[in-house]
């Protein structure tokens, strides 16, 4: 352990696998050295039952490379984060037909938008672990230029990860990557460290959804975790829908002769001249269109954060909003439009009200925004219920029996595996695949409790509800400090906000502070709320930054889980040493 006495004396790797991007770097640095998208392209066998590491590659080539005289064949997309449970590399919904990323099963009207795909009922056992290991290996080899066995690894995990998943994480790190020491840090706790706090309510607006987690004195209060399906993916879908509508209107007005009535991604524009624009398979075509919507949103033309008074107007119907005589509505309705050029050269003008509707997916208390969140939450709950029912029907046991039996079998299998690895009698990857079913059963009792309660409320209501679920003596500090992070919080400001002196990086935190204070002042007048958040350039890596700070502390060496401790106690030691 003396070799790992501190991050300044010995390098420590910090990794985080999110639903949108994977970040890997060294502790003590202010940015990860490797930042790549978690959704990757894989090539399955002809029977659609598996994939190999040799065919693992990033999907960016499919967004820009034109498709001429070739087909995508058996290429599909895969993400190590399950979009319904939110758990890393559990892979419950992974199937051979490659469902799209988070949010792709629900369109903006709440309808089923699976685009004709028919997912298989059974997931591919062990495939999720293969891609989790591939992400870590890719980050180590491409950016760090180091062997995982040469340095300890600090892994950032979800705050709602159940104990069986955490044990599997440690097992993979020690058995497959042979790390000398590791530690699993909660993402919400690391987000607090990034802004210099140990207590606060963390609002993480990720790609697959929004998670609100209360953290008190460096420990996560799991009973107060709330989750919403509204995230960056849902914002991208709304931006894409708005762009499609504007493109159809421009096409009809300018009498453009084109057989395509939607915004074509870059690869499709490059595919061929004239009208013969060949589209890729549905997963890659949809992802390429969403990637363009993301660029539009990041440029500021696709989405913006309006002032606090704009929310009340969005709760009205369109006819009522048009008849609204208030000055604030006139400012937004008559504001200059934002021009944006599509990949095919067509220029569309995006109104300010359309831009602000994207942020209202998180803030809107009623109307269309609330309906979209409710429909998405209902679908997520149905998927979770089907997973729980399928796991519970296997043996006819109740939840407690499933959990205790599965965890006992997992620990016994882990002991046999470590013995076989030492004697060279078995294959670790093969046993990892065989134990996947046991892991799913062990996680089933946590899907409705420990991973957080699903809700369709606004993020301001989620902050208050999360704090009120904790002990009464903790609520004052939790409500007084809110930490805003995640890529979905990197939205630009509005024209009105700029005119009243709100900077571009403080627009989203200021809007959240005003709405949380408005809710609290209904019963506690005068209570002040402070919203802490890094700048826009660091907001999407806030959890990684906190882990980088934690790993660079000299006093952190006592917290490592060493290889010797793992060999002695097994993977269950993570539940004792990593709170």
Protein backbone atom coordinates (compact mmCIF):
# COMPACT_ATOMS: atom_id res chain seq x y z
CA UNK A 1 0.00 0.00 0.00
CA UNK A 2 2.92 2.39 0.37
CA UNK A 3 3.11 2.60 -3.41
CA UNK A 4 -0.37 4.14 -3.47
CA UNK A 5 0.20 6.69 -0.72
CA UNK A 6 -1.04 9.63 -2.78
CA UNK A 7 -1.97 10.84 -6.22
CA UNK A 8 0.99 13.25 -6.29
CA UNK A 9 3.52 10.46 -5.77
CA UNK A 10 1.93 7.72 -7.84
CA UNK A 11 -0.43 8.13 -10.81
CA UNK A 12 -4.06 7.22 -10.26
CA UNK A 13 -6.48 6.71 -13.13
CA UNK A 14 -10.02 8.10 -12.91
CA UNK A 15 -12.77 6.68 -15.14
CA UNK A 16 -16.48 7.34 -15.54
CA UNK A 17 -18.80 5.53 -17.96
CA UNK A 18 -21.90 7.60 -18.59
CA UNK A 19 -24.94 7.09 -20.77
CA UNK A 20 -23.55 9.57 -23.33
CA UNK A 21 -19.76 9.66 -22.93
CA UNK A 22 -16.93 7.75 -21.28
CA UNK A 23 -14.27 9.84 -19.54
CA UNK A 24 -10.84 8.55 -18.48
CA UNK A 25 -7.85 10.50 -17.20
CA UNK A 26 -5.38 10.98 -14.34
CA UNK A 27 -6.23 12.22 -10.86
CA UNK A 28 -5.24 15.80 -10.15
CA UNK A 29 -5.86 16.99 -13.71
CA UNK A 30 -8.63 19.42 -14.61
CA UNK A 31 -9.96 17.49 -17.63
CA UNK A 32 -10.07 13.85 -18.77
CA UNK A 33 -7.53 12.85 -21.37
CA UNK A 34 -9.96 10.55 -23.15
CA UNK A 35 -13.55 11.59 -23.87
CA UNK A 36 -15.49 9.41 -26.29
CA UNK A 37 -19.10 8.47 -26.80
CA UNK A 38 -20.41 5.44 -24.92
CA UNK A 39 -22.65 4.34 -27.78
CA UNK A 40 -20.48 2.23 -30.06
CA UNK A 41 -20.90 0.17 -33.19
CA UNK A 42 -20.53 -3.59 -32.94
CA UNK A 43 -20.66 -6.33 -35.53
CA UNK A 44 -22.75 -9.32 -34.57
CA UNK A 45 -22.58 -12.86 -35.83
CA UNK A 46 -24.89 -13.97 -38.63
CA UNK A 47 -27.31 -15.47 -36.11
CA UNK A 48 -27.41 -12.15 -34.19
CA UNK A 49 -26.42 -13.78 -30.91
CA UNK A 50 -23.10 -12.20 -30.09
CA UNK A 51 -20.28 -9.84 -30.93
CA UNK A 52 -16.52 -9.82 -30.70
CA UNK A 53 -14.02 -7.33 -29.36
CA UNK A 54 -12.29 -7.21 -32.74
CA UNK A 55 -15.38 -5.58 -34.25
CA UNK A 56 -15.73 -2.99 -31.49
CA UNK A 57 -15.46 0.55 -32.84
CA UNK A 58 -16.89 4.00 -32.27
CA UNK A 59 -19.99 4.98 -34.24
CA UNK A 60 -18.76 8.40 -35.41
CA UNK A 61 -17.78 6.94 -38.79
CA UNK A 62 -21.39 6.04 -39.40
CA UNK A 63 -22.49 9.65 -38.76
CA UNK A 64 -20.28 11.17 -41.45
CA UNK A 65 -19.10 8.39 -43.81
CA UNK A 66 -21.36 8.17 -46.89
CA UNK A 67 -23.01 4.89 -47.83
CA UNK A 68 -22.59 4.23 -51.55
CA UNK A 69 -22.20 0.68 -52.83
CA UNK A 70 -22.16 -1.11 -49.51
CA UNK A 71 -24.48 -2.09 -46.69
CA UNK A 72 -24.18 -1.89 -42.93
CA UNK A 73 -24.53 -5.66 -42.77
CA UNK A 74 -24.59 -6.96 -39.21
CA UNK A 75 -23.39 -3.72 -37.65
CA UNK A 76 -25.52 -2.47 -34.77
CA UNK A 77 -25.23 -0.03 -31.89
CA UNK A 78 -24.67 -0.81 -28.23
CA UNK A 79 -24.45 1.19 -25.01
CA UNK A 80 -23.11 -0.26 -21.72
CA UNK A 81 -25.71 1.77 -19.76
CA UNK A 82 -29.18 0.27 -19.68
CA UNK A 83 -31.64 2.98 -20.68
CA UNK A 84 -34.52 1.75 -18.49
CA UNK A 85 -32.75 0.84 -15.26
CA UNK A 86 -29.90 3.35 -15.64
CA UNK A 87 -27.43 0.73 -14.37
CA UNK A 88 -24.00 0.44 -15.93
CA UNK A 89 -23.31 -2.73 -17.93
CA UNK A 90 -26.34 -4.60 -16.65
CA UNK A 91 -27.58 -4.98 -20.20
CA UNK A 92 -31.09 -6.13 -19.43
CA UNK A 93 -32.62 -4.53 -22.51
CA UNK A 94 -29.73 -5.23 -24.86
CA UNK A 95 -30.91 -7.21 -27.87
CA UNK A 96 -29.79 -8.35 -31.26
CA UNK A 97 -31.84 -5.74 -33.05
CA UNK A 98 -30.01 -2.96 -31.21
CA UNK A 99 -32.57 -0.64 -29.74
CA UNK A 100 -31.69 3.02 -29.99
CA UNK A 101 -30.19 5.07 -27.22
CA UNK A 102 -32.13 6.34 -24.25
CA UNK A 103 -35.37 8.07 -25.12
CA UNK A 104 -35.68 6.56 -28.59
CA UNK A 105 -38.72 4.44 -27.74
CA UNK A 106 -40.89 7.51 -27.07
CA UNK A 107 -41.53 10.27 -29.56
CA UNK A 108 -42.37 13.83 -28.59
CA UNK A 109 -46.09 13.04 -28.51
CA UNK A 110 -45.62 10.09 -26.15
CA UNK A 111 -46.24 7.47 -28.86
CA UNK A 112 -44.24 4.35 -29.51
CA UNK A 113 -41.41 5.26 -31.87
CA UNK A 114 -39.55 1.99 -32.19
CA UNK A 115 -39.48 2.41 -36.01
CA UNK A 116 -40.59 -1.11 -36.66
CA UNK A 117 -37.90 -2.90 -34.68
CA UNK A 118 -38.87 -6.04 -32.82
CA UNK A 119 -36.61 -6.50 -29.79
CA UNK A 120 -35.87 -10.01 -28.71
CA UNK A 121 -37.27 -11.08 -25.37
CA UNK A 122 -33.98 -12.43 -24.05
CA UNK A 123 -30.91 -10.30 -23.49
CA UNK A 124 -27.47 -11.42 -24.56
CA UNK A 125 -25.80 -12.73 -21.42
CA UNK A 126 -22.40 -11.28 -20.71
CA UNK A 127 -22.31 -8.93 -23.68
CA UNK A 128 -22.70 -5.87 -21.45
CA UNK A 129 -19.57 -6.81 -19.50
CA UNK A 130 -17.64 -7.26 -22.72
CA UNK A 131 -18.36 -3.70 -23.77
CA UNK A 132 -17.73 -2.30 -20.32
CA UNK A 133 -14.26 -3.85 -20.41
CA UNK A 134 -13.77 -2.61 -23.97
CA UNK A 135 -14.52 0.97 -22.94
CA UNK A 136 -11.93 0.84 -20.17
CA UNK A 137 -9.33 -0.83 -22.39
CA UNK A 138 -9.91 1.72 -25.16
CA UNK A 139 -9.44 4.63 -22.76
CA UNK A 140 -6.27 3.20 -21.23
CA UNK A 141 -4.62 2.36 -24.54
CA UNK A 142 -5.70 5.36 -26.64
CA UNK A 143 -5.32 8.23 -24.15
CA UNK A 144 -3.39 7.16 -21.07
CA UNK A 145 -0.98 4.90 -22.99
CA UNK A 146 -0.76 2.72 -19.91
CA UNK A 147 -1.55 -0.78 -18.74
CA UNK A 148 -4.44 -1.01 -16.22
CA UNK A 149 -2.30 -3.31 -14.10
CA UNK A 150 0.29 -0.56 -13.57
CA UNK A 151 -1.85 1.92 -11.60
CA UNK A 152 -4.86 2.01 -9.26
CA UNK A 153 -8.22 2.95 -10.74
CA UNK A 154 -10.84 5.24 -9.22
CA UNK A 155 -14.16 4.40 -10.91
CA UNK A 156 -17.15 6.76 -10.72
CA UNK A 157 -20.40 4.83 -10.38
CA UNK A 158 -24.10 5.63 -10.17
CA UNK A 159 -25.35 6.66 -6.75
CA UNK A 160 -28.19 4.14 -6.98
CA UNK A 161 -26.06 1.15 -7.98
CA UNK A 162 -27.22 -1.93 -6.01
CA UNK A 163 -24.66 -4.08 -4.15
CA UNK A 164 -24.69 -6.93 -6.73
CA UNK A 165 -23.70 -4.55 -9.52
CA UNK A 166 -20.94 -3.03 -7.38
CA UNK A 167 -19.55 -6.46 -6.59
CA UNK A 168 -19.50 -7.33 -10.28
CA UNK A 169 -17.68 -4.09 -11.04
CA UNK A 170 -14.90 -4.91 -8.58
CA UNK A 171 -14.68 -8.48 -9.83
CA UNK A 172 -14.21 -7.39 -13.44
CA UNK A 173 -11.59 -4.80 -12.51
CA UNK A 174 -9.46 -7.25 -10.52
CA UNK A 175 -9.96 -10.41 -12.57
CA UNK A 176 -9.98 -9.09 -16.15
CA UNK A 177 -8.01 -5.83 -15.93
CA UNK A 178 -5.78 -6.92 -13.04
CA UNK A 179 -5.70 -3.49 -11.40
CA UNK A 180 -3.50 -3.34 -8.26
CA UNK A 181 -6.10 -1.31 -6.32
CA UNK A 182 -9.47 0.29 -6.95
CA UNK A 183 -12.18 2.41 -5.36
CA UNK A 184 -15.79 3.03 -6.35
CA UNK A 185 -16.95 6.61 -5.80
CA UNK A 186 -20.57 7.78 -6.03
CA UNK A 187 -21.13 10.30 -8.83
CA UNK A 188 -23.29 12.61 -6.67
CA UNK A 189 -20.65 12.75 -3.94
CA UNK A 190 -17.97 13.55 -6.52
CA UNK A 191 -20.16 16.33 -7.95
CA UNK A 192 -20.30 17.91 -4.49
CA UNK A 193 -16.51 17.67 -4.18
CA UNK A 194 -16.13 19.44 -7.53
CA UNK A 195 -17.82 22.57 -6.15
CA UNK A 196 -16.18 22.39 -2.71
CA UNK A 197 -19.09 20.94 -0.75
CA UNK A 198 -19.81 17.74 1.14
CA UNK A 199 -23.55 18.37 1.61
CA UNK A 200 -26.09 19.31 -1.02
CA UNK A 201 -28.81 18.17 -3.37
CA UNK A 202 -27.20 17.13 -6.66
CA UNK A 203 -29.23 17.68 -9.84
CA UNK A 204 -27.59 15.61 -12.59
CA UNK A 205 -29.21 16.17 -16.01
CA UNK A 206 -27.70 13.35 -18.04
CA UNK A 207 -28.37 11.96 -21.47
CA UNK A 208 -30.80 9.22 -20.46
CA UNK A 209 -32.60 11.23 -17.76
CA UNK A 210 -32.37 13.48 -14.72
CA UNK A 211 -31.35 12.21 -11.30
CA UNK A 212 -31.70 14.22 -8.08
CA UNK A 213 -29.59 12.83 -5.21
CA UNK A 214 -29.28 14.20 -1.67
CA UNK A 215 -25.75 14.03 -0.23
CA UNK A 216 -25.13 14.69 3.48
CA UNK A 217 -21.58 14.85 4.89
CA UNK A 218 -20.20 12.91 1.93
CA UNK A 219 -22.76 10.07 2.06
CA UNK A 220 -25.63 9.48 -0.33
CA UNK A 221 -29.12 9.38 1.19
CA UNK A 222 -30.56 6.65 -1.03
CA UNK A 223 -34.10 7.11 0.27
CA UNK A 224 -34.22 10.55 -1.32
CA UNK A 225 -33.06 9.64 -4.84
CA UNK A 226 -35.54 10.71 -7.55
CA UNK A 227 -35.26 10.01 -11.26
CA UNK A 228 -36.99 11.51 -14.30
CA UNK A 229 -36.81 10.31 -17.93
CA UNK A 230 -36.36 13.91 -19.13
CA UNK A 231 -32.77 14.37 -20.25
CA UNK A 232 -30.57 15.45 -23.13
CA UNK A 233 -31.90 12.73 -25.44
CA UNK A 234 -35.44 14.03 -25.02
CA UNK A 235 -34.21 17.57 -25.75
CA UNK A 236 -32.50 16.35 -28.93
CA UNK A 237 -35.73 14.73 -30.07
CA UNK A 238 -37.62 17.99 -29.63
CA UNK A 239 -34.93 19.96 -31.50
CA UNK A 240 -35.04 17.43 -34.32
CA UNK A 241 -38.82 17.60 -34.49
CA UNK A 242 -38.71 21.40 -34.68
CA UNK A 243 -36.08 21.30 -37.43
CA UNK A 244 -38.12 18.78 -39.44
CA UNK A 245 -41.17 21.02 -39.18
CA UNK A 246 -39.22 24.09 -40.29
CA UNK A 247 -37.66 22.16 -43.17
CA UNK A 248 -41.05 21.00 -44.45
CA UNK A 249 -42.38 24.56 -44.27
CA UNK A 250 -39.34 25.95 -46.10
CA UNK A 251 -39.53 23.19 -48.70
CA UNK A 252 -43.20 23.93 -49.44
CA UNK A 253 -42.68 27.70 -49.57
CA UNK A 254 -39.56 27.56 -51.76
CA UNK A 255 -40.97 24.69 -53.86
CA UNK A 256 -37.85 22.59 -53.33
CA UNK A 257 -37.97 19.41 -55.39
CA UNK A 258 -36.86 16.71 -52.97
CA UNK A 259 -38.27 13.31 -52.09
CA UNK A 260 -36.93 13.58 -48.52
CA UNK A 261 -39.21 15.50 -46.14
CA UNK A 262 -36.91 15.50 -43.10
CA UNK A 263 -33.56 16.97 -42.12
CA UNK A 264 -30.91 14.72 -43.64
CA UNK A 265 -27.77 14.02 -41.57
CA UNK A 266 -24.34 14.75 -42.94
CA UNK A 267 -23.62 11.21 -44.19
CA UNK A 268 -26.87 11.14 -46.20
CA UNK A 269 -26.15 14.49 -47.86
CA UNK A 270 -22.73 13.20 -48.91
CA UNK A 271 -24.05 9.83 -50.10
CA UNK A 272 -24.82 10.80 -53.71
CA UNK A 273 -25.91 13.67 -55.92
CA UNK A 274 -29.50 14.40 -56.81
CA UNK A 275 -32.38 12.66 -55.13
CA UNK A 276 -30.72 9.27 -54.58
CA UNK A 277 -29.79 9.84 -50.94
CA UNK A 278 -29.29 6.37 -49.51
CA UNK A 279 -30.11 5.94 -45.82
CA UNK A 280 -28.31 3.63 -43.44
CA UNK A 281 -29.91 1.12 -41.15
CA UNK A 282 -32.40 2.59 -38.71
CA UNK A 283 -30.16 2.68 -35.58
CA UNK A 284 -27.37 4.58 -37.36
CA UNK A 285 -29.75 6.81 -39.30
CA UNK A 286 -31.58 7.90 -36.15
CA UNK A 287 -28.36 8.41 -34.19
CA UNK A 288 -26.88 10.52 -37.01
CA UNK A 289 -29.97 12.75 -37.05
CA UNK A 290 -29.90 13.11 -33.28
CA UNK A 291 -26.20 13.95 -33.41
CA UNK A 292 -26.96 16.85 -35.74
CA UNK A 293 -29.73 17.98 -33.37
CA UNK A 294 -27.17 17.90 -30.55
CA UNK A 295 -24.82 20.18 -32.51
CA UNK A 296 -27.70 22.58 -33.19
CA UNK A 297 -28.58 22.62 -29.50
CA UNK A 298 -24.95 23.17 -28.42
CA UNK A 299 -24.57 26.04 -30.89
CA UNK A 300 -27.36 27.84 -29.04
CA UNK A 301 -29.76 27.95 -31.98
CA UNK A 302 -31.73 24.87 -30.99
CA UNK A 303 -32.32 25.45 -27.27
CA UNK A 304 -32.18 28.22 -24.70
CA UNK A 305 -33.14 28.95 -21.11
CA UNK A 306 -35.86 31.55 -20.76
CA UNK A 307 -36.56 33.77 -17.77
CA UNK A 308 -38.74 32.64 -14.87
CA UNK A 309 -41.88 34.33 -16.17
CA UNK A 310 -41.86 32.34 -19.40
CA UNK A 311 -42.85 29.11 -17.61
CA UNK A 312 -46.36 30.32 -16.78
CA UNK A 313 -47.02 30.97 -20.45
CA UNK A 314 -46.00 27.44 -21.46
CA UNK A 315 -48.63 25.97 -19.14
CA UNK A 316 -51.30 27.49 -21.38
CA UNK A 317 -52.56 26.12 -24.67
CA UNK A 318 -51.19 27.53 -27.89
CA UNK A 319 -54.37 29.59 -28.54
CA UNK A 320 -54.26 31.06 -25.03
CA UNK A 321 -50.55 31.85 -25.36
CA UNK A 322 -51.14 33.69 -28.62
CA UNK A 323 -53.81 35.81 -26.97
CA UNK A 324 -51.63 36.54 -23.93
CA UNK A 325 -51.26 40.33 -23.76
CA UNK A 326 -48.40 40.38 -21.26
CA UNK A 327 -45.21 42.24 -22.07
CA UNK A 328 -42.97 39.24 -21.43
CA UNK A 329 -44.76 37.16 -24.08
CA UNK A 330 -44.45 39.97 -26.61
CA UNK A 331 -40.71 40.12 -25.97
CA UNK A 332 -40.29 36.45 -26.76
CA UNK A 333 -42.76 36.39 -29.67
CA UNK A 334 -41.17 39.40 -31.40
CA UNK A 335 -37.54 38.53 -30.64
CA UNK A 336 -35.25 38.03 -33.64
CA UNK A 337 -35.17 34.52 -35.03
CA UNK A 338 -32.01 32.43 -34.94
CA UNK A 339 -30.87 31.36 -38.44
CA UNK A 340 -29.35 27.91 -38.80
CA UNK A 341 -27.97 26.13 -41.85
CA UNK A 342 -28.85 22.47 -42.36
CA UNK A 343 -26.35 19.95 -43.79
CA UNK A 344 -27.90 20.19 -47.28
CA UNK A 345 -27.43 23.98 -47.33
CA UNK A 346 -31.01 24.93 -46.51
CA UNK A 347 -31.24 27.78 -44.00
CA UNK A 348 -34.12 27.83 -41.52
CA UNK A 349 -35.11 30.48 -38.98
CA UNK A 350 -35.76 29.16 -35.46
CA UNK A 351 -38.08 31.28 -33.31
CA UNK A 352 -37.16 32.08 -29.73
CA UNK A 353 -40.28 30.36 -28.38
CA UNK A 354 -39.25 27.10 -30.07
CA UNK A 355 -35.80 27.37 -28.54
CA UNK A 356 -37.17 27.86 -25.04
CA UNK A 357 -39.67 25.01 -25.34
CA UNK A 358 -36.69 22.62 -25.20
CA UNK A 359 -35.68 23.76 -21.71
CA UNK A 360 -39.33 23.70 -20.62
CA UNK A 361 -39.17 19.89 -20.86
CA UNK A 362 -37.40 20.18 -17.50
CA UNK A 363 -39.18 23.22 -16.04
CA UNK A 364 -42.70 23.09 -17.50
CA UNK A 365 -45.31 22.44 -14.82
CA UNK A 366 -48.15 21.58 -17.17
CA UNK A 367 -49.29 21.39 -20.75
CA UNK A 368 -47.25 19.59 -23.37
CA UNK A 369 -44.03 19.34 -21.33
CA UNK A 370 -45.71 17.54 -18.44
CA UNK A 371 -47.47 15.14 -20.83
CA UNK A 372 -44.21 14.18 -22.53
CA UNK A 373 -42.52 13.47 -19.19
CA UNK A 374 -45.51 11.46 -17.95
CA UNK A 375 -45.68 9.30 -21.07
CA UNK A 376 -41.95 8.60 -20.96
CA UNK A 377 -42.15 7.69 -17.25
CA UNK A 378 -45.04 5.29 -17.87
CA UNK A 379 -43.06 3.43 -20.53
CA UNK A 380 -39.99 3.20 -18.28
CA UNK A 381 -42.09 1.81 -15.43
CA UNK A 382 -43.63 -0.80 -17.75
CA UNK A 383 -40.17 -1.92 -18.84
CA UNK A 384 -39.03 -2.23 -15.22
CA UNK A 385 -42.15 -4.16 -14.28
CA UNK A 386 -41.57 -6.62 -17.12
CA UNK A 387 -37.94 -7.13 -16.02
CA UNK A 388 -38.99 -7.74 -12.42
CA UNK A 389 -41.77 -10.11 -13.46
CA UNK A 390 -39.52 -12.15 -15.78
CA UNK A 391 -36.82 -12.50 -13.11
CA UNK A 392 -39.31 -13.39 -10.39
CA UNK A 393 -41.09 -16.04 -12.43
CA UNK A 394 -37.95 -18.05 -13.09
CA UNK A 395 -37.97 -19.83 -9.76
CA UNK A 396 -41.34 -18.80 -8.33
CA UNK A 397 -39.70 -17.16 -5.30
CA UNK A 398 -40.40 -13.79 -3.76
CA UNK A 399 -38.03 -10.83 -3.94
CA UNK A 400 -36.17 -11.54 -0.70
CA UNK A 401 -35.54 -15.18 -1.62
CA UNK A 402 -34.36 -14.20 -5.09
CA UNK A 403 -31.93 -11.66 -3.66
CA UNK A 404 -30.46 -13.87 -0.93
CA UNK A 405 -30.15 -16.97 -3.13
CA UNK A 406 -28.70 -15.08 -6.09
CA UNK A 407 -26.14 -13.19 -3.99
CA UNK A 408 -25.09 -16.42 -2.28
CA UNK A 409 -24.64 -18.11 -5.65
CA UNK A 410 -22.68 -15.14 -6.96
CA UNK A 411 -20.29 -15.18 -4.01
CA UNK A 412 -19.77 -18.92 -4.34
CA UNK A 413 -19.12 -18.57 -8.06
CA UNK A 414 -16.67 -15.76 -7.37
CA UNK A 415 -14.72 -17.95 -4.95
CA UNK A 416 -14.52 -20.77 -7.49
CA UNK A 417 -13.48 -18.33 -10.18
CA UNK A 418 -10.60 -16.88 -8.14
CA UNK A 419 -9.42 -20.40 -7.35
CA UNK A 420 -9.57 -21.41 -11.01
CA UNK A 421 -7.76 -18.30 -12.14
CA UNK A 422 -4.89 -19.06 -9.80
CA UNK A 423 -4.66 -22.64 -11.01
CA UNK A 424 -5.37 -21.81 -14.66
CA UNK A 425 -8.33 -24.20 -14.96
CA UNK A 426 -11.03 -21.94 -16.35
CA UNK A 427 -11.84 -18.87 -18.41
CA UNK A 428 -12.89 -15.74 -16.53
CA UNK A 429 -14.95 -14.30 -19.38
CA UNK A 430 -16.89 -17.51 -19.81
CA UNK A 431 -17.81 -17.62 -16.11
CA UNK A 432 -18.75 -13.93 -16.19
CA UNK A 433 -21.22 -14.70 -18.95
CA UNK A 434 -22.64 -17.67 -17.05
CA UNK A 435 -23.20 -15.60 -13.91
CA UNK A 436 -25.12 -12.88 -15.74
CA UNK A 437 -28.48 -14.48 -15.00
CA UNK A 438 -27.66 -14.67 -11.29
CA UNK A 439 -26.77 -10.99 -11.32
CA UNK A 440 -30.08 -10.02 -12.89
CA UNK A 441 -31.96 -11.95 -10.21
CA UNK A 442 -29.90 -10.37 -7.43
CA UNK A 443 -30.61 -6.86 -8.75
CA UNK A 444 -34.35 -7.39 -9.12
CA UNK A 445 -35.35 -6.40 -5.54
CA UNK A 446 -33.47 -3.09 -5.93
CA UNK A 447 -35.09 -1.99 -9.17
CA UNK A 448 -38.09 -0.41 -7.44
CA UNK A 449 -36.32 0.90 -4.35
CA UNK A 450 -32.58 1.47 -4.22
CA UNK A 451 -32.22 2.80 -7.78
CA UNK A 452 -34.51 5.72 -7.01
CA UNK A 453 -38.15 6.56 -7.41
CA UNK A 454 -39.39 7.51 -10.89
CA UNK A 455 -41.27 10.79 -11.18
CA UNK A 456 -42.54 13.13 -13.87
CA UNK A 457 -42.19 16.31 -11.79
CA UNK A 458 -40.14 19.33 -12.77
CA UNK A 459 -36.52 19.52 -11.61
CA UNK A 460 -37.38 22.26 -9.10
CA UNK A 461 -40.09 20.07 -7.56
CA UNK A 462 -37.69 17.12 -7.55
CA UNK A 463 -35.16 19.10 -5.50
CA UNK A 464 -37.75 19.87 -2.82
CA UNK A 465 -39.23 16.37 -2.81
CA UNK A 466 -35.80 14.78 -2.56
CA UNK A 467 -34.83 16.89 0.45
CA UNK A 468 -38.18 16.29 2.20
CA UNK A 469 -37.63 12.51 1.95
CA UNK A 470 -34.57 12.85 4.20
CA UNK A 471 -34.46 13.43 7.96
CA UNK A 472 -35.83 16.72 9.21
CA UNK A 473 -32.52 17.94 10.63
CA UNK A 474 -30.91 17.45 7.20
CA UNK A 475 -33.47 19.32 5.11
CA UNK A 476 -32.19 22.83 5.81
CA UNK A 477 -28.69 22.12 4.51
CA UNK A 478 -29.95 20.02 1.60
CA UNK A 479 -32.39 22.69 0.41
CA UNK A 480 -29.91 25.50 1.00
CA UNK A 481 -27.29 23.97 -1.33
CA UNK A 482 -28.13 22.59 -4.76
CA UNK A 483 -25.42 21.33 -7.14
CA UNK A 484 -26.27 21.48 -10.86
CA UNK A 485 -24.28 19.28 -13.23
CA UNK A 486 -24.66 17.15 -16.35
CA UNK A 487 -24.52 17.82 -20.06
CA UNK A 488 -28.22 18.65 -20.17
CA UNK A 489 -27.59 21.70 -17.98
CA UNK A 490 -25.26 23.29 -20.56
CA UNK A 491 -27.96 25.37 -22.25
CA UNK A 492 -27.47 28.95 -23.39
CA UNK A 493 -29.38 31.94 -22.10
CA UNK A 494 -32.27 33.85 -23.65
CA UNK A 495 -32.50 37.32 -25.16
CA UNK A 496 -34.49 38.60 -22.18
CA UNK A 497 -32.08 37.08 -19.65
CA UNK A 498 -29.19 38.82 -21.39
CA UNK A 499 -31.02 42.15 -21.26
CA UNK A 500 -31.47 41.89 -17.48
CA UNK A 501 -27.82 41.03 -16.82
CA UNK A 502 -27.75 37.22 -16.51
CA UNK A 503 -24.60 35.73 -18.04
CA UNK A 504 -24.72 32.81 -20.43
CA UNK A 505 -23.18 30.34 -17.97
CA UNK A 506 -25.46 31.36 -15.07
CA UNK A 507 -28.79 31.28 -16.91
CA UNK A 508 -29.69 27.69 -16.06
CA UNK A 509 -28.57 27.81 -12.37
CA UNK A 510 -30.36 31.14 -11.88
CA UNK A 511 -33.59 29.76 -13.34
CA UNK A 512 -33.38 26.71 -11.06
CA UNK A 513 -32.68 28.87 -8.00
CA UNK A 514 -35.68 31.11 -8.66
CA UNK A 515 -38.07 28.19 -9.07
CA UNK A 516 -36.82 26.29 -6.00
CA UNK A 517 -37.08 29.44 -3.89
CA UNK A 518 -40.61 30.05 -5.19
CA UNK A 519 -41.66 26.60 -3.99
CA UNK A 520 -39.96 26.91 -0.60
CA UNK A 521 -41.34 30.41 0.04
CA UNK A 522 -44.89 29.05 -0.03
CA UNK A 523 -44.32 27.66 3.48
CA UNK A 524 -41.00 29.24 4.60
CA UNK A 525 -40.74 32.88 3.45
CA UNK A 526 -37.27 34.39 3.30
CA UNK A 527 -35.38 31.12 2.88
CA UNK A 528 -32.47 31.54 0.48
CA UNK A 529 -31.27 28.82 -1.87
CA UNK A 530 -27.78 28.66 -3.33
CA UNK A 531 -27.26 26.78 -6.62
CA UNK A 532 -23.62 25.80 -7.18
CA UNK A 533 -22.42 24.74 -10.59
CA UNK A 534 -19.18 24.83 -12.60
CA UNK A 535 -18.99 26.73 -15.86
CA UNK A 536 -20.56 25.36 -19.01
CA UNK A 537 -17.21 24.00 -20.19
CA UNK A 538 -16.88 21.87 -17.02
CA UNK A 539 -20.50 21.17 -16.13
CA UNK A 540 -20.70 17.96 -18.19
CA UNK A 541 -17.61 16.50 -16.45
CA UNK A 542 -18.47 17.68 -12.93
CA UNK A 543 -18.51 14.18 -11.39
CA UNK A 544 -15.20 13.28 -13.04
CA UNK A 545 -13.63 16.49 -11.71
CA UNK A 546 -14.73 15.65 -8.17
CA UNK A 547 -13.25 12.17 -8.50
CA UNK A 548 -10.02 13.69 -9.83
CA UNK A 549 -9.82 15.88 -6.73
CA UNK A 550 -10.55 12.93 -4.47
CA UNK A 551 -7.93 10.71 -6.07
CA UNK A 552 -5.23 13.39 -5.78
CA UNK A 553 -5.54 13.72 -1.99
CA UNK A 554 -2.68 12.28 -0.01
CA UNK A 555 -5.04 10.99 2.69
CA UNK A 556 -6.97 8.95 0.16
CA UNK A 557 -4.54 5.99 0.30
CA UNK A 558 -6.38 4.37 3.24
CA UNK A 559 -9.53 4.00 1.13
CA UNK A 560 -8.13 1.85 -1.68
CA UNK A 561 -9.32 -1.75 -2.09
CA UNK A 562 -6.11 -3.62 -2.73
CA UNK A 563 -5.64 -6.85 -4.62
CA UNK A 564 -4.72 -8.65 -1.39
CA UNK A 565 -7.93 -7.51 0.30
CA UNK A 566 -9.96 -8.67 -2.68
CA UNK A 567 -8.29 -12.09 -2.62
CA UNK A 568 -9.01 -12.41 1.10
CA UNK A 569 -12.57 -11.09 1.36
CA UNK A 570 -13.92 -11.35 -2.18
CA UNK A 571 -15.90 -8.72 -4.11
CA UNK A 572 -18.26 -8.10 -1.17
CA UNK A 573 -15.56 -5.92 0.42
CA UNK A 574 -16.70 -3.07 -1.83
CA UNK A 575 -19.85 -2.69 0.27
CA UNK A 576 -17.72 -2.05 3.37
CA UNK A 577 -14.90 0.12 2.02
CA UNK A 578 -16.85 2.15 -0.57
CA UNK A 579 -19.85 3.79 1.17
